[in-house]
Amino acid sequence: MESISFYKNNISANGFTVIEAVYTQEEIEAILAEIAKADTDKNTFRKTDDLFAIRQFLKELPAVNNIIFNTKLTAIIDELFGDDYFAVKSIYFDKPEKSNWFVAWHQDLTISVNKKADLPGYGPWTVKQNQFAVQPPLNILQNNFTIRIHLDDTDEGNGALKVIPGSHLKGVYRPETIDWNSETEQTCNVKAGGIMIMKPLLLHASNRTTNNKPRKVIHIEFSKANLPDQIEWSERQLLH
């Protein structure tokens, strides 16, 4: 494991970093066992030939919380970002072996909240399956971060994230304006049990699966921002 300053510098300069061996094989199997017991008929679940996803993952499967927020992960969060962050969104993605699902270049520009309200600096709004999402003021996105927990070995063959290092420093960066003469993409390979930490304004994408290997990832977003009184984080959860 590299030093904390190494990871901090990567996140600051490049918008992401990878930390291996945060979870043991036994912890991965325990998480997957809880997922296998889940009731997939709820509207927070989505299952197709290309993707199985569980939205509000930490709420839907509370038994996984103690496994996910083990001593290694909580120490990493505290040392990299401080102890005033909390989880605000969680999704489980299972990209099957023969999936043709891919994700085009984008930034994560919205947050999940409990309702819609007319607020200066917040918008546009969307709603999907009774879940409200809104683009907040830029400073909230700049201070948020995401942790992606990898339950499978992931590389370019099964949809590892591609990123544009440093793009998180350029504010809202529309994919159609990417200048490939000055930007370089990088694939973020992560072994099972490792994590990728990224800033939401980092431009990222993923390819279709080509190696017949699965890709299971838990995506958790974190913030320390206090929202206006009219709205609340829809999935706010303390880490300690």
C-alpha atoms as a PDB file:
ATOM      1  CA  MET A   1       0.000   0.000   0.000  1.00  0.00           C
ATOM      2  CA  GLU A   2       1.302   3.443  -0.956  1.00  0.00           C
ATOM      3  CA  SER A   3       1.364   6.333   1.513  1.00  0.00           C
ATOM      4  CA  ILE A   4      -1.733   8.397   2.223  1.00  0.00           C
ATOM      5  CA  SER A   5       0.010  11.441   0.717  1.00  0.00           C
ATOM      6  CA  PHE A   6       0.489   9.486  -2.531  1.00  0.00           C
ATOM      7  CA  TYR A   7      -3.258   8.792  -2.771  1.00  0.00           C
ATOM      8  CA  LYS A   8      -4.141  12.367  -1.751  1.00  0.00           C
ATOM      9  CA  ASN A   9      -1.896  13.791  -4.459  1.00  0.00           C
ATOM     10  CA  ASN A  10      -3.398  11.462  -7.076  1.00  0.00           C
ATOM     11  CA  ILE A  11      -6.926  12.535  -6.177  1.00  0.00           C
ATOM     12  CA  SER A  12      -5.986  16.217  -6.130  1.00  0.00           C
ATOM     13  CA  ALA A  13      -4.058  16.245  -9.422  1.00  0.00           C
ATOM     14  CA  ASN A  14      -5.745  13.491 -11.431  1.00  0.00           C
ATOM     15  CA  GLY A  15      -9.205  13.218  -9.855  1.00  0.00           C
ATOM     16  CA  PHE A  16      -8.876   9.550  -8.917  1.00  0.00           C
ATOM     17  CA  THR A  17      -6.730   6.882  -7.303  1.00  0.00           C
ATOM     18  CA  VAL A  18      -6.789   3.084  -6.873  1.00  0.00           C
ATOM     19  CA  ILE A  19      -6.149   1.321  -3.551  1.00  0.00           C
ATOM     20  CA  GLU A  20      -5.855  -2.447  -3.643  1.00  0.00           C
ATOM     21  CA  ALA A  21      -6.648  -5.093  -0.987  1.00  0.00           C
ATOM     22  CA  VAL A  22      -9.199  -3.139   1.051  1.00  0.00           C
ATOM     23  CA  TYR A  23     -11.430  -6.255   1.261  1.00  0.00           C
ATOM     24  CA  THR A  24     -10.578  -9.920   1.720  1.00  0.00           C
ATOM     25  CA  GLN A  25     -12.041 -12.696  -0.424  1.00  0.00           C
ATOM     26  CA  GLU A  26     -14.152 -13.718   2.594  1.00  0.00           C
ATOM     27  CA  GLU A  27     -15.601 -10.194   2.832  1.00  0.00           C
ATOM     28  CA  ILE A  28     -16.388 -10.172  -0.893  1.00  0.00           C
ATOM     29  CA  GLU A  29     -18.182 -13.521  -0.576  1.00  0.00           C
ATOM     30  CA  ALA A  30     -20.142 -12.251   2.442  1.00  0.00           C
ATOM     31  CA  ILE A  31     -21.327  -9.201   0.470  1.00  0.00           C
ATOM     32  CA  LEU A  32     -22.343 -11.369  -2.498  1.00  0.00           C
ATOM     33  CA  ALA A  33     -24.216 -13.747  -0.169  1.00  0.00           C
ATOM     34  CA  GLU A  34     -26.336 -10.830   1.110  1.00  0.00           C
ATOM     35  CA  ILE A  35     -27.007  -9.663  -2.462  1.00  0.00           C
ATOM     36  CA  ALA A  36     -28.144 -13.186  -3.401  1.00  0.00           C
ATOM     37  CA  LYS A  37     -30.770 -13.059  -0.619  1.00  0.00           C
ATOM     38  CA  ALA A  38     -32.254  -9.738  -1.783  1.00  0.00           C
ATOM     39  CA  ASP A  39     -35.851  -9.328  -2.974  1.00  0.00           C
ATOM     40  CA  THR A  40     -35.386  -8.329  -6.612  1.00  0.00           C
ATOM     41  CA  ASP A  41     -39.045  -7.378  -7.150  1.00  0.00           C
ATOM     42  CA  LYS A  42     -38.641  -3.923  -5.613  1.00  0.00           C
ATOM     43  CA  ASN A  43     -38.604  -0.834  -7.839  1.00  0.00           C
ATOM     44  CA  THR A  44     -35.047  -0.043  -6.707  1.00  0.00           C
ATOM     45  CA  PHE A  45     -33.891  -3.181  -8.554  1.00  0.00           C
ATOM     46  CA  ARG A  46     -33.252  -3.369 -12.274  1.00  0.00           C
ATOM     47  CA  LYS A  47     -32.483  -6.610 -14.069  1.00  0.00           C
ATOM     48  CA  THR A  48     -31.832  -7.040 -17.799  1.00  0.00           C
ATOM     49  CA  ASP A  49     -29.562  -9.204 -19.914  1.00  0.00           C
ATOM     50  CA  ASP A  50     -26.985  -6.399 -19.837  1.00  0.00           C
ATOM     51  CA  LEU A  51     -27.187  -5.202 -16.248  1.00  0.00           C
ATOM     52  CA  PHE A  52     -28.382  -6.041 -12.749  1.00  0.00           C
ATOM     53  CA  ALA A  53     -28.496  -2.969 -10.530  1.00  0.00           C
ATOM     54  CA  ILE A  54     -29.682  -2.174  -7.004  1.00  0.00           C
ATOM     55  CA  ARG A  55     -30.316   1.484  -6.250  1.00  0.00           C
ATOM     56  CA  GLN A  56     -30.232   2.731  -2.635  1.00  0.00           C
ATOM     57  CA  PHE A  57     -28.028  -0.297  -2.035  1.00  0.00           C
ATOM     58  CA  LEU A  58     -27.048   0.453   1.570  1.00  0.00           C
ATOM     59  CA  LYS A  59     -30.715   0.981   2.492  1.00  0.00           C
ATOM     60  CA  GLU A  60     -31.964  -2.099   0.665  1.00  0.00           C
ATOM     61  CA  LEU A  61     -29.290  -4.422   2.093  1.00  0.00           C
ATOM     62  CA  PRO A  62     -28.459  -3.048   5.574  1.00  0.00           C
ATOM     63  CA  ALA A  63     -26.622  -6.265   6.488  1.00  0.00           C
ATOM     64  CA  VAL A  64     -23.760  -5.300   4.127  1.00  0.00           C
ATOM     65  CA  ASN A  65     -22.986  -2.050   5.947  1.00  0.00           C
ATOM     66  CA  ASN A  66     -20.707  -3.501   8.600  1.00  0.00           C
ATOM     67  CA  ILE A  67     -18.789  -5.427   5.930  1.00  0.00           C
ATOM     68  CA  ILE A  68     -18.403  -2.472   3.559  1.00  0.00           C
ATOM     69  CA  PHE A  69     -17.442   0.052   6.225  1.00  0.00           C
ATOM     70  CA  ASN A  70     -14.696  -2.105   7.669  1.00  0.00           C
ATOM     71  CA  THR A  71     -11.766  -0.641   9.579  1.00  0.00           C
ATOM     72  CA  LYS A  72      -9.665  -0.327   6.417  1.00  0.00           C
ATOM     73  CA  LEU A  73     -12.234   1.691   4.467  1.00  0.00           C
ATOM     74  CA  THR A  74     -13.198   3.998   7.311  1.00  0.00           C
ATOM     75  CA  ALA A  75      -9.521   4.688   8.048  1.00  0.00           C
ATOM     76  CA  ILE A  76      -8.888   5.493   4.375  1.00  0.00           C
ATOM     77  CA  ILE A  77     -11.828   7.918   4.286  1.00  0.00           C
ATOM     78  CA  ASP A  78     -10.807   9.631   7.538  1.00  0.00           C
ATOM     79  CA  GLU A  79      -7.163   9.992   6.488  1.00  0.00           C
ATOM     80  CA  LEU A  80      -7.873  11.192   2.946  1.00  0.00           C
ATOM     81  CA  PHE A  81     -10.903  13.423   3.544  1.00  0.00           C
ATOM     82  CA  GLY A  82     -11.557  13.823   7.286  1.00  0.00           C
ATOM     83  CA  ASP A  83     -14.250  12.426   9.543  1.00  0.00           C
ATOM     84  CA  ASP A  84     -17.125  14.763   8.624  1.00  0.00           C
ATOM     85  CA  TYR A  85     -18.201  12.956   5.447  1.00  0.00           C
ATOM     86  CA  PHE A  86     -21.277  10.742   5.155  1.00  0.00           C
ATOM     87  CA  ALA A  87     -22.682   8.477   2.434  1.00  0.00           C
ATOM     88  CA  VAL A  88     -25.324  10.100   0.210  1.00  0.00           C
ATOM     89  CA  LYS A  89     -25.922   7.614  -2.621  1.00  0.00           C
ATOM     90  CA  SER A  90     -25.208   3.917  -3.228  1.00  0.00           C
ATOM     91  CA  ILE A  91     -25.701   1.628  -6.221  1.00  0.00           C
ATOM     92  CA  TYR A  92     -24.676  -1.952  -6.932  1.00  0.00           C
ATOM     93  CA  PHE A  93     -23.834  -2.774 -10.567  1.00  0.00           C
ATOM     94  CA  ASP A  94     -23.505  -6.315 -11.910  1.00  0.00           C
ATOM     95  CA  LYS A  95     -22.385  -6.291 -15.534  1.00  0.00           C
ATOM     96  CA  PRO A  96     -22.729  -9.930 -16.752  1.00  0.00           C
ATOM     97  CA  GLU A  97     -20.164 -11.810 -18.797  1.00  0.00           C
ATOM     98  CA  LYS A  98     -21.839 -11.197 -22.166  1.00  0.00           C
ATOM     99  CA  SER A  99     -23.065  -7.673 -21.487  1.00  0.00           C
ATOM    100  CA  ASN A 100     -23.187  -5.145 -24.334  1.00  0.00           C
ATOM    101  CA  TRP A 101     -23.856  -2.335 -21.869  1.00  0.00           C
ATOM    102  CA  PHE A 102     -21.508   0.630 -22.097  1.00  0.00           C
ATOM    103  CA  VAL A 103     -21.425   4.150 -20.684  1.00  0.00           C
ATOM    104  CA  ALA A 104     -20.444   7.189 -22.754  1.00  0.00           C
ATOM    105  CA  TRP A 105     -18.155   9.959 -21.481  1.00  0.00           C
ATOM    106  CA  HIS A 106     -19.812  11.974 -18.713  1.00  0.00           C
ATOM    107  CA  GLN A 107     -19.414  13.644 -15.333  1.00  0.00           C
ATOM    108  CA  ASP A 108     -21.593  12.814 -12.307  1.00  0.00           C
ATOM    109  CA  LEU A 109     -23.361  16.153 -12.057  1.00  0.00           C
ATOM    110  CA  THR A 110     -26.405  15.343  -9.909  1.00  0.00           C
ATOM    111  CA  ILE A 111     -27.140  14.475  -6.292  1.00  0.00           C
ATOM    112  CA  SER A 112     -30.083  12.447  -4.921  1.00  0.00           C
ATOM    113  CA  VAL A 113     -32.524  14.314  -2.676  1.00  0.00           C
ATOM    114  CA  ASN A 114     -35.913  13.652  -1.092  1.00  0.00           C
ATOM    115  CA  LYS A 115     -38.048  16.126  -3.078  1.00  0.00           C
ATOM    116  CA  LYS A 116     -38.080  18.917  -5.638  1.00  0.00           C
ATOM    117  CA  ALA A 117     -37.881  22.538  -4.518  1.00  0.00           C
ATOM    118  CA  ASP A 118     -37.346  25.902  -6.186  1.00  0.00           C
ATOM    119  CA  LEU A 119     -33.857  26.788  -5.002  1.00  0.00           C
ATOM    120  CA  PRO A 120     -31.331  29.227  -6.480  1.00  0.00           C
ATOM    121  CA  GLY A 121     -28.307  27.405  -7.861  1.00  0.00           C
ATOM    122  CA  TYR A 122     -30.068  24.015  -7.976  1.00  0.00           C
ATOM    123  CA  GLY A 123     -31.191  22.636 -11.335  1.00  0.00           C
ATOM    124  CA  PRO A 124     -32.045  21.105 -13.676  1.00  0.00           C
ATOM    125  CA  TRP A 125     -34.140  18.495 -11.868  1.00  0.00           C
ATOM    126  CA  THR A 126     -35.025  14.938 -12.869  1.00  0.00           C
ATOM    127  CA  VAL A 127     -37.086  12.177 -11.274  1.00  0.00           C
ATOM    128  CA  LYS A 128     -36.774   8.446 -11.895  1.00  0.00           C
ATOM    129  CA  GLN A 129     -38.646   5.765  -9.941  1.00  0.00           C
ATOM    130  CA  ASN A 130     -39.661   8.343  -7.306  1.00  0.00           C
ATOM    131  CA  GLN A 131     -36.028   9.370  -6.862  1.00  0.00           C
ATOM    132  CA  PHE A 132     -35.341  13.108  -7.272  1.00  0.00           C
ATOM    133  CA  ALA A 133     -31.989  14.229  -8.655  1.00  0.00           C
ATOM    134  CA  VAL A 134     -30.669  17.736  -9.136  1.00  0.00           C
ATOM    135  CA  GLN A 135     -27.491  19.443 -10.238  1.00  0.00           C
ATOM    136  CA  PRO A 136     -26.294  21.361  -7.157  1.00  0.00           C
ATOM    137  CA  PRO A 137     -23.934  24.347  -6.942  1.00  0.00           C
ATOM    138  CA  LEU A 138     -20.493  23.487  -8.278  1.00  0.00           C
ATOM    139  CA  ASN A 139     -18.736  23.722  -4.905  1.00  0.00           C
ATOM    140  CA  ILE A 140     -20.756  20.764  -3.581  1.00  0.00           C
ATOM    141  CA  LEU A 141     -19.638  18.574  -6.478  1.00  0.00           C
ATOM    142  CA  GLN A 142     -16.057  19.752  -6.096  1.00  0.00           C
ATOM    143  CA  ASN A 143     -15.982  18.600  -2.472  1.00  0.00           C
ATOM    144  CA  ASN A 144     -17.822  15.292  -2.946  1.00  0.00           C
ATOM    145  CA  PHE A 145     -16.098  12.011  -3.767  1.00  0.00           C
ATOM    146  CA  THR A 146     -17.081   8.507  -4.862  1.00  0.00           C
ATOM    147  CA  ILE A 147     -15.718   5.114  -3.851  1.00  0.00           C
ATOM    148  CA  ARG A 148     -16.147   2.181  -6.222  1.00  0.00           C
ATOM    149  CA  ILE A 149     -15.682  -1.185  -4.494  1.00  0.00           C
ATOM    150  CA  HIS A 150     -14.670  -3.911  -6.943  1.00  0.00           C
ATOM    151  CA  LEU A 151     -15.971  -7.421  -6.334  1.00  0.00           C
ATOM    152  CA  ASP A 152     -14.319  -8.808  -9.503  1.00  0.00           C
ATOM    153  CA  ASP A 153     -10.970  -8.240 -11.194  1.00  0.00           C
ATOM    154  CA  THR A 154     -11.695  -5.415 -13.630  1.00  0.00           C
ATOM    155  CA  ASP A 155      -9.749  -4.264 -16.680  1.00  0.00           C
ATOM    156  CA  GLU A 156     -10.435  -2.899 -20.167  1.00  0.00           C
ATOM    157  CA  GLY A 157     -11.906  -6.283 -21.194  1.00  0.00           C
ATOM    158  CA  ASN A 158     -14.851  -6.168 -18.789  1.00  0.00           C
ATOM    159  CA  GLY A 159     -15.658  -2.493 -18.602  1.00  0.00           C
ATOM    160  CA  ALA A 160     -13.155  -0.924 -16.218  1.00  0.00           C
ATOM    161  CA  LEU A 161     -13.667   2.820 -16.045  1.00  0.00           C
ATOM    162  CA  LYS A 162     -11.823   4.977 -18.549  1.00  0.00           C
ATOM    163  CA  VAL A 163     -11.038   8.444 -17.222  1.00  0.00           C
ATOM    164  CA  ILE A 164      -9.494  11.698 -18.392  1.00  0.00           C
ATOM    165  CA  PRO A 165      -6.968  12.614 -15.673  1.00  0.00           C
ATOM    166  CA  GLY A 166      -7.298  16.181 -14.434  1.00  0.00           C
ATOM    167  CA  SER A 167     -10.686  16.805 -16.041  1.00  0.00           C
ATOM    168  CA  HIS A 168     -12.256  17.274 -12.578  1.00  0.00           C
ATOM    169  CA  LEU A 169     -10.430  20.622 -12.348  1.00  0.00           C
ATOM    170  CA  LYS A 170     -12.239  22.117 -15.340  1.00  0.00           C
ATOM    171  CA  GLY A 171     -15.730  22.610 -13.889  1.00  0.00           C
ATOM    172  CA  VAL A 172     -18.636  21.371 -15.979  1.00  0.00           C
ATOM    173  CA  TYR A 173     -16.908  19.811 -19.004  1.00  0.00           C
ATOM    174  CA  ARG A 174     -19.265  18.800 -21.791  1.00  0.00           C
ATOM    175  CA  PRO A 175     -18.217  15.520 -23.478  1.00  0.00           C
ATOM    176  CA  GLU A 176     -18.826  16.944 -26.946  1.00  0.00           C
ATOM    177  CA  THR A 177     -16.149  19.574 -26.283  1.00  0.00           C
ATOM    178  CA  ILE A 178     -13.351  17.152 -25.308  1.00  0.00           C
ATOM    179  CA  ASP A 179     -10.188  18.099 -27.184  1.00  0.00           C
ATOM    180  CA  TRP A 180      -8.418  14.784 -27.778  1.00  0.00           C
ATOM    181  CA  ASN A 181      -5.347  16.639 -28.989  1.00  0.00           C
ATOM    182  CA  SER A 182      -4.745  17.772 -25.415  1.00  0.00           C
ATOM    183  CA  GLU A 183      -6.537  15.088 -23.353  1.00  0.00           C
ATOM    184  CA  THR A 184      -5.481  11.490 -22.743  1.00  0.00           C
ATOM    185  CA  GLU A 185      -7.720   8.688 -21.523  1.00  0.00           C
ATOM    186  CA  GLN A 186      -6.551   6.158 -18.941  1.00  0.00           C
ATOM    187  CA  THR A 187      -8.105   2.809 -18.004  1.00  0.00           C
ATOM    188  CA  CYS A 188      -8.394   2.142 -14.269  1.00  0.00           C
ATOM    189  CA  ASN A 189      -7.718  -1.540 -13.673  1.00  0.00           C
ATOM    190  CA  VAL A 190      -8.706  -2.714 -10.186  1.00  0.00           C
ATOM    191  CA  LYS A 191      -8.413  -6.190  -8.682  1.00  0.00           C
ATOM    192  CA  ALA A 192     -11.215  -7.792  -6.675  1.00  0.00           C
ATOM    193  CA  GLY A 193     -11.175  -6.355  -3.157  1.00  0.00           C
ATOM    194  CA  GLY A 194      -9.672  -3.071  -4.310  1.00  0.00           C
ATOM    195  CA  ILE A 195     -11.317   0.331  -4.554  1.00  0.00           C
ATOM    196  CA  MET A 196     -11.216   3.247  -6.937  1.00  0.00           C
ATOM    197  CA  ILE A 197     -11.756   6.699  -5.430  1.00  0.00           C
ATOM    198  CA  MET A 198     -12.845   9.424  -7.847  1.00  0.00           C
ATOM    199  CA  LYS A 199     -14.171  12.969  -7.932  1.00  0.00           C
ATOM    200  CA  PRO A 200     -17.640  13.360  -9.498  1.00  0.00           C
ATOM    201  CA  LEU A 201     -16.426  15.994 -11.976  1.00  0.00           C
ATOM    202  CA  LEU A 202     -13.878  13.540 -13.434  1.00  0.00           C
ATOM    203  CA  LEU A 203     -14.884  12.652 -16.996  1.00  0.00           C
ATOM    204  CA  HIS A 204     -15.344   8.893 -17.177  1.00  0.00           C
ATOM    205  CA  ALA A 205     -16.779   6.165 -19.415  1.00  0.00           C
ATOM    206  CA  SER A 206     -16.769   2.382 -19.789  1.00  0.00           C
ATOM    207  CA  ASN A 207     -16.718  -0.020 -22.732  1.00  0.00           C
ATOM    208  CA  ARG A 208     -18.715  -3.110 -23.539  1.00  0.00           C
ATOM    209  CA  THR A 209     -17.462  -6.411 -22.127  1.00  0.00           C
ATOM    210  CA  THR A 210     -15.216  -8.318 -24.551  1.00  0.00           C
ATOM    211  CA  ASN A 211     -13.545 -10.992 -22.386  1.00  0.00           C
ATOM    212  CA  ASN A 212     -16.618 -12.858 -21.064  1.00  0.00           C
ATOM    213  CA  LYS A 213     -15.811 -11.896 -17.474  1.00  0.00           C
ATOM    214  CA  PRO A 214     -18.280 -10.290 -15.037  1.00  0.00           C
ATOM    215  CA  ARG A 215     -17.859  -6.881 -13.427  1.00  0.00           C
ATOM    216  CA  LYS A 216     -19.565  -6.340 -10.096  1.00  0.00           C
ATOM    217  CA  VAL A 217     -19.041  -2.950  -8.442  1.00  0.00           C
ATOM    218  CA  ILE A 218     -20.544  -1.094  -5.470  1.00  0.00           C
ATOM    219  CA  HIS A 219     -20.671   2.658  -6.139  1.00  0.00           C
ATOM    220  CA  ILE A 220     -20.980   4.901  -3.047  1.00  0.00           C
ATOM    221  CA  GLU A 221     -21.007   8.714  -3.112  1.00  0.00           C
ATOM    222  CA  PHE A 222     -19.952  10.827  -0.127  1.00  0.00           C
ATOM    223  CA  SER A 223     -20.488  14.447   0.891  1.00  0.00           C
ATOM    224  CA  LYS A 224     -20.093  16.754   3.875  1.00  0.00           C
ATOM    225  CA  ALA A 225     -22.394  19.464   2.501  1.00  0.00           C
ATOM    226  CA  ASN A 226     -25.404  20.788   4.387  1.00  0.00           C
ATOM    227  CA  LEU A 227     -28.257  21.225   1.930  1.00  0.00           C
ATOM    228  CA  PRO A 228     -30.858  24.036   2.092  1.00  0.00           C
ATOM    229  CA  ASP A 229     -33.649  23.478   4.638  1.00  0.00           C
ATOM    230  CA  GLN A 230     -36.193  22.694   1.917  1.00  0.00           C
ATOM    231  CA  ILE A 231     -34.470  19.472   0.803  1.00  0.00           C
ATOM    232  CA  GLU A 232     -32.557  16.561   2.331  1.00  0.00           C
ATOM    233  CA  TRP A 233     -30.120  13.949   1.073  1.00  0.00           C
ATOM    234  CA  SER A 234     -32.287  10.960   0.155  1.00  0.00           C
ATOM    235  CA  GLU A 235     -29.769   8.373   1.375  1.00  0.00           C
ATOM    236  CA  ARG A 236     -27.773  10.184   4.039  1.00  0.00           C
ATOM    237  CA  GLN A 237     -25.927   7.686   6.249  1.00  0.00           C
ATOM    238  CA  LEU A 238     -23.236   8.329   8.842  1.00  0.00           C
ATOM    239  CA  LEU A 239     -20.067   6.232   8.662  1.00  0.00           C
ATOM    240  CA  HIS A 240     -19.293   6.080  12.389  1.00  0.00           C
END
